[in-house]
């Protein structure tokens, strides 16, 4: 497994979670992924979907690979012939469904996934947004009311 991100804090979190290879996102990311994977990966999970991320994600895929877009962001502008020739699949998901939520809860209950969170009180919500905006948020922000 490998992880890409612009944030060094996020890459550190990926390392702590056991991700073997971490790569700083940027202009050289596609080449680094293709080299590490021996020509391309089978799947890319994109939680950003903005700027050049979709183009890079598809370029990282091996023949027959799948590009998973979770959430929403920018635009996808790829020649259809490229997708067809490489047999690339694109799967989108805005938030998941009830069955997937049940599966995630079961995985968490069996300690198969670990959620990294930072708690903020409601009066600290501006700090939470600042951390998200500046890429310093580790995991997910949880706003508490007490």
N, C-alpha and C. Protein backbone atom coordinates (compact mmCIF):
# COMPACT_ATOMS: atom_id res chain seq x y z
N UNK A 1 0.84 -1.19 0.00
CA UNK A 1 0.00 0.00 0.00
C UNK A 1 0.87 1.24 0.00
N UNK A 2 0.32 2.30 -0.60
CA UNK A 2 1.02 3.57 -0.56
C UNK A 2 0.01 4.68 -0.40
N UNK A 3 0.47 5.81 0.11
CA UNK A 3 -0.38 6.97 0.34
C UNK A 3 0.30 8.21 -0.21
N UNK A 4 -0.50 9.09 -0.74
CA UNK A 4 -0.03 10.39 -1.24
C UNK A 4 -0.77 11.49 -0.52
N UNK A 5 -0.09 12.56 -0.24
CA UNK A 5 -0.74 13.73 0.34
C UNK A 5 0.21 14.90 0.22
N UNK A 6 -0.34 16.12 0.25
CA UNK A 6 0.49 17.33 0.25
C UNK A 6 1.00 17.64 1.66
N UNK A 7 0.28 17.15 2.65
CA UNK A 7 0.58 17.45 4.05
C UNK A 7 1.56 16.43 4.64
N UNK A 8 2.65 16.93 5.19
CA UNK A 8 3.60 16.05 5.86
C UNK A 8 2.97 15.40 7.09
N UNK A 9 2.06 16.13 7.75
CA UNK A 9 1.37 15.55 8.92
C UNK A 9 0.53 14.35 8.49
N UNK A 10 -0.16 14.47 7.36
CA UNK A 10 -0.97 13.35 6.86
C UNK A 10 -0.09 12.18 6.45
N UNK A 11 1.05 12.45 5.85
CA UNK A 11 1.97 11.38 5.48
C UNK A 11 2.52 10.69 6.72
N UNK A 12 2.79 11.47 7.76
CA UNK A 12 3.23 10.88 9.03
C UNK A 12 2.16 9.99 9.63
N UNK A 13 0.91 10.42 9.56
CA UNK A 13 -0.20 9.61 10.04
C UNK A 13 -0.29 8.31 9.25
N UNK A 14 -0.12 8.40 7.93
CA UNK A 14 -0.16 7.19 7.09
C UNK A 14 0.94 6.21 7.52
N UNK A 15 2.14 6.73 7.78
CA UNK A 15 3.24 5.87 8.25
C UNK A 15 2.86 5.20 9.57
N UNK A 16 2.30 5.99 10.49
CA UNK A 16 1.91 5.46 11.80
C UNK A 16 0.83 4.39 11.68
N UNK A 17 0.02 4.47 10.64
CA UNK A 17 -1.04 3.49 10.42
C UNK A 17 -0.54 2.27 9.67
N UNK A 18 0.76 2.25 9.34
CA UNK A 18 1.34 1.07 8.72
C UNK A 18 1.47 1.10 7.21
N UNK A 19 1.24 2.26 6.59
CA UNK A 19 1.40 2.37 5.14
C UNK A 19 2.89 2.31 4.83
N UNK A 20 3.25 1.39 3.96
CA UNK A 20 4.66 1.12 3.67
C UNK A 20 5.35 2.25 2.91
N UNK A 21 4.67 2.82 1.91
CA UNK A 21 5.27 3.87 1.08
C UNK A 21 4.40 5.12 1.15
N UNK A 22 5.02 6.25 1.46
CA UNK A 22 4.31 7.52 1.43
C UNK A 22 5.02 8.43 0.43
N UNK A 23 4.23 9.18 -0.32
CA UNK A 23 4.76 10.01 -1.38
C UNK A 23 4.15 11.40 -1.25
N UNK A 24 4.98 12.41 -1.34
CA UNK A 24 4.47 13.78 -1.32
C UNK A 24 3.78 14.06 -2.64
N UNK A 25 2.54 14.53 -2.57
CA UNK A 25 1.79 14.85 -3.79
C UNK A 25 2.48 16.00 -4.50
N UNK A 26 2.39 15.97 -5.81
CA UNK A 26 2.99 17.03 -6.62
C UNK A 26 3.31 16.53 -8.00
N UNK A 27 4.10 17.30 -8.70
CA UNK A 27 4.39 17.03 -10.11
C UNK A 27 5.05 15.67 -10.35
N UNK A 28 5.84 15.19 -9.40
CA UNK A 28 6.57 13.93 -9.58
C UNK A 28 5.84 12.72 -9.03
N UNK A 29 4.64 12.90 -8.51
CA UNK A 29 3.92 11.82 -7.83
C UNK A 29 3.57 10.67 -8.77
N UNK A 30 3.13 10.97 -9.99
CA UNK A 30 2.74 9.90 -10.92
C UNK A 30 3.93 9.01 -11.22
N UNK A 31 5.05 9.61 -11.54
CA UNK A 31 6.26 8.83 -11.84
C UNK A 31 6.68 7.99 -10.64
N UNK A 32 6.62 8.56 -9.44
CA UNK A 32 7.01 7.83 -8.23
C UNK A 32 6.09 6.63 -8.00
N UNK A 33 4.79 6.80 -8.17
CA UNK A 33 3.83 5.71 -7.97
C UNK A 33 4.05 4.62 -9.01
N UNK A 34 4.20 5.01 -10.26
CA UNK A 34 4.39 4.02 -11.32
C UNK A 34 5.69 3.24 -11.13
N UNK A 35 6.72 3.91 -10.65
CA UNK A 35 7.99 3.24 -10.39
C UNK A 35 7.87 2.26 -9.22
N UNK A 36 7.28 2.73 -8.11
CA UNK A 36 7.13 1.87 -6.94
C UNK A 36 6.26 0.65 -7.22
N UNK A 37 5.26 0.83 -8.07
CA UNK A 37 4.29 -0.24 -8.32
C UNK A 37 4.66 -1.12 -9.51
N UNK A 38 5.74 -0.80 -10.16
CA UNK A 38 6.13 -1.60 -11.32
C UNK A 38 5.26 -1.35 -12.54
N UNK A 39 4.79 -0.11 -12.70
CA UNK A 39 4.04 0.22 -13.91
C UNK A 39 2.65 0.75 -13.69
N UNK A 40 2.18 0.78 -12.48
CA UNK A 40 0.85 1.32 -12.20
C UNK A 40 0.14 0.50 -11.14
N UNK A 41 -0.76 1.15 -10.43
CA UNK A 41 -1.50 0.50 -9.35
C UNK A 41 -2.86 0.02 -9.84
N UNK A 42 -3.44 -0.92 -9.14
CA UNK A 42 -4.75 -1.47 -9.51
C UNK A 42 -5.89 -0.52 -9.14
N UNK A 43 -5.70 0.29 -8.11
CA UNK A 43 -6.78 1.17 -7.67
C UNK A 43 -6.21 2.44 -7.05
N UNK A 44 -6.94 3.53 -7.25
CA UNK A 44 -6.64 4.80 -6.60
C UNK A 44 -7.91 5.25 -5.91
N UNK A 45 -7.81 5.56 -4.61
CA UNK A 45 -8.91 6.15 -3.87
C UNK A 45 -8.61 7.63 -3.74
N UNK A 46 -9.45 8.46 -4.31
CA UNK A 46 -9.23 9.90 -4.34
C UNK A 46 -10.25 10.58 -3.45
N UNK A 47 -9.78 11.18 -2.35
CA UNK A 47 -10.65 11.88 -1.43
C UNK A 47 -10.61 13.38 -1.66
N UNK A 48 -9.95 13.80 -2.75
CA UNK A 48 -9.78 15.21 -3.06
C UNK A 48 -10.60 15.59 -4.29
N UNK A 49 -10.25 15.02 -5.43
CA UNK A 49 -10.99 15.26 -6.66
C UNK A 49 -10.88 16.66 -7.22
N UNK A 50 -9.87 17.41 -6.83
CA UNK A 50 -9.72 18.79 -7.28
C UNK A 50 -8.40 18.99 -8.00
N UNK A 51 -8.31 20.11 -8.72
CA UNK A 51 -7.12 20.54 -9.46
C UNK A 51 -6.65 19.41 -10.37
N UNK A 52 -5.40 19.02 -10.28
CA UNK A 52 -4.87 17.99 -11.19
C UNK A 52 -4.95 16.59 -10.60
N UNK A 53 -5.59 16.43 -9.46
CA UNK A 53 -5.67 15.13 -8.82
C UNK A 53 -6.33 14.05 -9.70
N UNK A 54 -7.48 14.32 -10.34
CA UNK A 54 -8.07 13.26 -11.17
C UNK A 54 -7.17 12.81 -12.32
N UNK A 55 -6.54 13.74 -12.99
CA UNK A 55 -5.65 13.38 -14.11
C UNK A 55 -4.48 12.55 -13.60
N UNK A 56 -3.89 12.97 -12.49
CA UNK A 56 -2.77 12.21 -11.92
C UNK A 56 -3.22 10.84 -11.46
N UNK A 57 -4.37 10.76 -10.81
CA UNK A 57 -4.86 9.47 -10.31
C UNK A 57 -5.01 8.48 -11.45
N UNK A 58 -5.62 8.91 -12.53
CA UNK A 58 -5.81 8.01 -13.68
C UNK A 58 -4.48 7.63 -14.31
N UNK A 59 -3.54 8.55 -14.34
CA UNK A 59 -2.21 8.25 -14.89
C UNK A 59 -1.44 7.24 -14.04
N UNK A 60 -1.78 7.12 -12.77
CA UNK A 60 -1.12 6.17 -11.87
C UNK A 60 -1.63 4.75 -12.04
N UNK A 61 -2.78 4.59 -12.69
CA UNK A 61 -3.41 3.28 -12.78
C UNK A 61 -2.75 2.38 -13.82
N UNK A 62 -2.71 1.11 -13.49
CA UNK A 62 -2.27 0.07 -14.43
C UNK A 62 -3.42 -0.22 -15.39
N UNK A 63 -3.14 -0.97 -16.43
CA UNK A 63 -4.17 -1.42 -17.36
C UNK A 63 -5.29 -2.10 -16.57
N UNK A 64 -6.53 -1.69 -16.82
CA UNK A 64 -7.68 -2.29 -16.13
C UNK A 64 -7.89 -1.78 -14.72
N UNK A 65 -7.18 -0.74 -14.32
CA UNK A 65 -7.30 -0.22 -12.96
C UNK A 65 -8.60 0.52 -12.72
N UNK A 66 -8.86 0.79 -11.45
CA UNK A 66 -10.10 1.47 -11.06
C UNK A 66 -9.79 2.74 -10.27
N UNK A 67 -10.43 3.82 -10.66
CA UNK A 67 -10.31 5.12 -10.01
C UNK A 67 -11.57 5.33 -9.17
N UNK A 68 -11.41 5.37 -7.85
CA UNK A 68 -12.52 5.58 -6.92
C UNK A 68 -12.49 7.03 -6.46
N UNK A 69 -13.57 7.75 -6.74
CA UNK A 69 -13.68 9.14 -6.31
C UNK A 69 -14.69 9.18 -5.17
N UNK A 70 -14.22 9.61 -3.99
CA UNK A 70 -15.07 9.67 -2.80
C UNK A 70 -15.31 11.14 -2.50
N UNK A 71 -16.54 11.56 -2.54
CA UNK A 71 -16.85 12.96 -2.33
C UNK A 71 -16.91 13.68 -3.66
N UNK A 72 -16.59 14.94 -3.66
CA UNK A 72 -16.65 15.72 -4.89
C UNK A 72 -15.63 16.84 -4.84
N UNK A 73 -15.37 17.39 -5.98
CA UNK A 73 -14.38 18.46 -6.07
C UNK A 73 -14.45 19.13 -7.41
N UNK A 74 -13.39 18.98 -8.21
CA UNK A 74 -13.27 19.69 -9.48
C UNK A 74 -13.95 18.98 -10.63
N UNK A 75 -13.22 18.93 -11.75
CA UNK A 75 -13.76 18.34 -12.97
C UNK A 75 -12.82 17.27 -13.49
N UNK A 76 -13.40 16.32 -14.21
CA UNK A 76 -12.63 15.26 -14.86
C UNK A 76 -12.61 15.56 -16.35
N UNK A 77 -11.42 15.79 -16.88
CA UNK A 77 -11.27 16.11 -18.29
C UNK A 77 -10.22 15.18 -18.89
N UNK A 78 -10.66 13.97 -19.22
CA UNK A 78 -9.78 12.93 -19.75
C UNK A 78 -10.36 12.47 -21.09
N UNK A 79 -9.54 12.33 -22.12
CA UNK A 79 -10.07 11.79 -23.38
C UNK A 79 -10.64 10.38 -23.17
N UNK A 80 -11.87 10.18 -23.62
CA UNK A 80 -12.53 8.90 -23.46
C UNK A 80 -11.72 7.76 -24.08
N UNK A 81 -11.05 8.03 -25.18
CA UNK A 81 -10.24 7.00 -25.84
C UNK A 81 -9.16 6.47 -24.90
N UNK A 82 -8.59 7.33 -24.06
CA UNK A 82 -7.56 6.89 -23.11
C UNK A 82 -8.15 5.93 -22.08
N UNK A 83 -9.35 6.23 -21.59
CA UNK A 83 -9.99 5.36 -20.61
C UNK A 83 -10.34 4.02 -21.24
N UNK A 84 -10.87 4.06 -22.45
CA UNK A 84 -11.26 2.83 -23.14
C UNK A 84 -10.06 1.95 -23.46
N UNK A 85 -9.00 2.55 -24.01
CA UNK A 85 -7.82 1.78 -24.40
C UNK A 85 -7.16 1.11 -23.20
N UNK A 86 -7.19 1.78 -22.06
CA UNK A 86 -6.55 1.24 -20.86
C UNK A 86 -7.54 0.48 -19.99
N UNK A 87 -8.79 0.41 -20.40
CA UNK A 87 -9.86 -0.29 -19.67
C UNK A 87 -9.97 0.20 -18.23
N UNK A 88 -9.95 1.51 -18.07
CA UNK A 88 -10.02 2.14 -16.75
C UNK A 88 -11.48 2.25 -16.33
N UNK A 89 -11.77 1.88 -15.08
CA UNK A 89 -13.11 2.04 -14.51
C UNK A 89 -13.08 3.22 -13.55
N UNK A 90 -14.19 3.94 -13.50
CA UNK A 90 -14.33 5.05 -12.56
C UNK A 90 -15.56 4.78 -11.72
N UNK A 91 -15.37 4.75 -10.40
CA UNK A 91 -16.44 4.52 -9.44
C UNK A 91 -16.55 5.76 -8.56
N UNK A 92 -17.76 6.29 -8.43
CA UNK A 92 -17.95 7.48 -7.60
C UNK A 92 -18.84 7.16 -6.42
N UNK A 93 -18.65 7.93 -5.34
CA UNK A 93 -19.44 7.75 -4.14
C UNK A 93 -19.39 9.05 -3.36
N UNK A 94 -20.54 9.62 -3.10
CA UNK A 94 -20.56 10.88 -2.36
C UNK A 94 -20.33 10.67 -0.87
N UNK A 95 -21.11 9.80 -0.25
CA UNK A 95 -20.96 9.59 1.19
C UNK A 95 -21.12 8.16 1.63
N UNK A 96 -21.51 7.27 0.78
CA UNK A 96 -21.75 5.89 1.17
C UNK A 96 -23.23 5.68 1.46
N UNK A 97 -23.57 4.45 1.70
CA UNK A 97 -24.97 4.13 1.99
C UNK A 97 -25.07 3.45 3.36
N UNK A 98 -26.29 3.09 3.76
CA UNK A 98 -26.52 2.52 5.08
C UNK A 98 -25.78 1.20 5.26
N UNK A 99 -25.78 0.36 4.24
CA UNK A 99 -25.10 -0.94 4.33
C UNK A 99 -23.59 -0.74 4.53
N UNK A 100 -23.03 0.21 3.79
CA UNK A 100 -21.59 0.48 3.94
C UNK A 100 -21.27 1.02 5.34
N UNK A 101 -22.16 1.84 5.89
CA UNK A 101 -21.97 2.34 7.25
C UNK A 101 -21.98 1.19 8.25
N UNK A 102 -22.90 0.24 8.09
CA UNK A 102 -22.95 -0.93 8.97
C UNK A 102 -21.66 -1.74 8.85
N UNK A 103 -21.16 -1.90 7.62
CA UNK A 103 -19.91 -2.65 7.42
C UNK A 103 -18.74 -1.93 8.08
N UNK A 104 -18.70 -0.61 7.98
CA UNK A 104 -17.63 0.15 8.61
C UNK A 104 -17.69 0.04 10.12
N UNK A 105 -18.88 0.10 10.69
CA UNK A 105 -19.02 -0.03 12.14
C UNK A 105 -18.56 -1.41 12.59
N UNK A 106 -18.88 -2.45 11.82
CA UNK A 106 -18.44 -3.81 12.17
C UNK A 106 -16.92 -3.92 12.09
N UNK A 107 -16.32 -3.31 11.07
CA UNK A 107 -14.85 -3.32 10.96
C UNK A 107 -14.22 -2.61 12.15
N UNK A 108 -14.78 -1.47 12.53
CA UNK A 108 -14.25 -0.73 13.67
C UNK A 108 -14.41 -1.53 14.96
N UNK A 109 -15.56 -2.18 15.13
CA UNK A 109 -15.80 -2.99 16.34
C UNK A 109 -14.81 -4.14 16.44
N UNK A 110 -14.39 -4.67 15.30
CA UNK A 110 -13.42 -5.77 15.28
C UNK A 110 -11.98 -5.27 15.18
N UNK A 111 -11.80 -3.97 15.38
CA UNK A 111 -10.49 -3.31 15.35
C UNK A 111 -9.76 -3.57 14.03
N UNK A 112 -10.50 -3.59 12.94
CA UNK A 112 -9.92 -3.77 11.61
C UNK A 112 -9.62 -2.42 10.95
N UNK A 113 -10.21 -1.35 11.48
CA UNK A 113 -9.92 0.01 11.04
C UNK A 113 -9.70 0.87 12.28
N UNK A 114 -8.92 1.90 12.12
CA UNK A 114 -8.68 2.83 13.22
C UNK A 114 -8.96 4.23 12.73
N UNK A 115 -9.77 4.94 13.46
CA UNK A 115 -10.12 6.30 13.09
C UNK A 115 -9.29 7.27 13.91
N UNK A 116 -8.58 8.14 13.24
CA UNK A 116 -7.77 9.17 13.89
C UNK A 116 -8.61 10.44 13.94
N UNK A 117 -8.81 10.99 15.14
CA UNK A 117 -9.64 12.19 15.27
C UNK A 117 -8.95 13.22 16.15
N UNK A 118 -9.37 14.46 15.96
CA UNK A 118 -9.00 15.56 16.84
C UNK A 118 -10.30 16.18 17.30
N UNK A 119 -10.46 16.32 18.60
CA UNK A 119 -11.68 16.91 19.15
C UNK A 119 -11.52 18.40 19.33
N UNK A 120 -12.58 19.12 18.99
CA UNK A 120 -12.65 20.57 19.19
C UNK A 120 -13.99 20.86 19.85
N UNK A 121 -13.98 21.74 20.85
CA UNK A 121 -15.24 22.20 21.42
C UNK A 121 -15.91 23.13 20.42
N UNK A 122 -17.19 23.33 20.55
CA UNK A 122 -17.92 24.19 19.62
C UNK A 122 -17.31 25.59 19.54
N UNK A 123 -16.83 26.11 20.68
CA UNK A 123 -16.23 27.44 20.66
C UNK A 123 -14.84 27.44 20.00
N UNK A 124 -14.33 26.28 19.60
CA UNK A 124 -13.05 26.17 18.90
C UNK A 124 -13.23 25.84 17.41
N UNK A 125 -14.44 26.00 16.92
CA UNK A 125 -14.73 25.58 15.55
C UNK A 125 -13.87 26.33 14.54
N UNK A 126 -13.54 27.58 14.81
CA UNK A 126 -12.67 28.34 13.90
C UNK A 126 -11.29 27.70 13.83
N UNK A 127 -10.79 27.21 14.96
CA UNK A 127 -9.50 26.51 14.97
C UNK A 127 -9.56 25.23 14.14
N UNK A 128 -10.68 24.52 14.23
CA UNK A 128 -10.84 23.30 13.43
C UNK A 128 -10.80 23.62 11.94
N UNK A 129 -11.53 24.67 11.54
CA UNK A 129 -11.53 25.05 10.12
C UNK A 129 -10.14 25.52 9.69
N UNK A 130 -9.43 26.23 10.55
CA UNK A 130 -8.07 26.67 10.22
C UNK A 130 -7.15 25.47 10.02
N UNK A 131 -7.25 24.47 10.90
CA UNK A 131 -6.42 23.27 10.78
C UNK A 131 -6.74 22.53 9.47
N UNK A 132 -8.01 22.45 9.14
CA UNK A 132 -8.41 21.81 7.89
C UNK A 132 -7.86 22.59 6.70
N UNK A 133 -8.03 23.90 6.72
CA UNK A 133 -7.59 24.76 5.62
C UNK A 133 -6.07 24.72 5.42
N UNK A 134 -5.33 24.66 6.51
CA UNK A 134 -3.86 24.70 6.43
C UNK A 134 -3.22 23.31 6.36
N UNK A 135 -4.04 22.26 6.34
CA UNK A 135 -3.50 20.91 6.19
C UNK A 135 -2.82 20.37 7.43
N UNK A 136 -3.16 20.91 8.60
CA UNK A 136 -2.53 20.43 9.84
C UNK A 136 -3.44 19.52 10.65
N UNK A 137 -4.65 19.30 10.15
CA UNK A 137 -5.60 18.43 10.84
C UNK A 137 -5.17 16.98 10.66
N UNK A 138 -5.02 16.27 11.77
CA UNK A 138 -4.67 14.84 11.72
C UNK A 138 -5.95 14.03 11.78
N UNK A 139 -6.26 13.34 10.71
CA UNK A 139 -7.48 12.54 10.68
C UNK A 139 -8.69 13.40 10.44
N UNK A 140 -9.70 13.24 11.29
CA UNK A 140 -10.96 13.96 11.15
C UNK A 140 -11.21 14.83 12.37
N UNK A 141 -11.84 15.97 12.14
CA UNK A 141 -12.22 16.86 13.24
C UNK A 141 -13.57 16.41 13.78
N UNK A 142 -13.67 16.39 15.10
CA UNK A 142 -14.93 16.08 15.76
C UNK A 142 -15.27 17.27 16.64
N UNK A 143 -16.45 17.86 16.38
CA UNK A 143 -16.88 19.03 17.15
C UNK A 143 -17.78 18.53 18.28
N UNK A 144 -17.40 18.87 19.51
CA UNK A 144 -18.19 18.46 20.67
C UNK A 144 -18.95 19.64 21.22
N UNK A 145 -20.06 19.37 21.87
CA UNK A 145 -20.93 20.43 22.38
C UNK A 145 -20.82 20.59 23.89
N UNK A 146 -19.93 19.86 24.54
CA UNK A 146 -19.83 20.02 25.99
C UNK A 146 -18.44 20.42 26.39
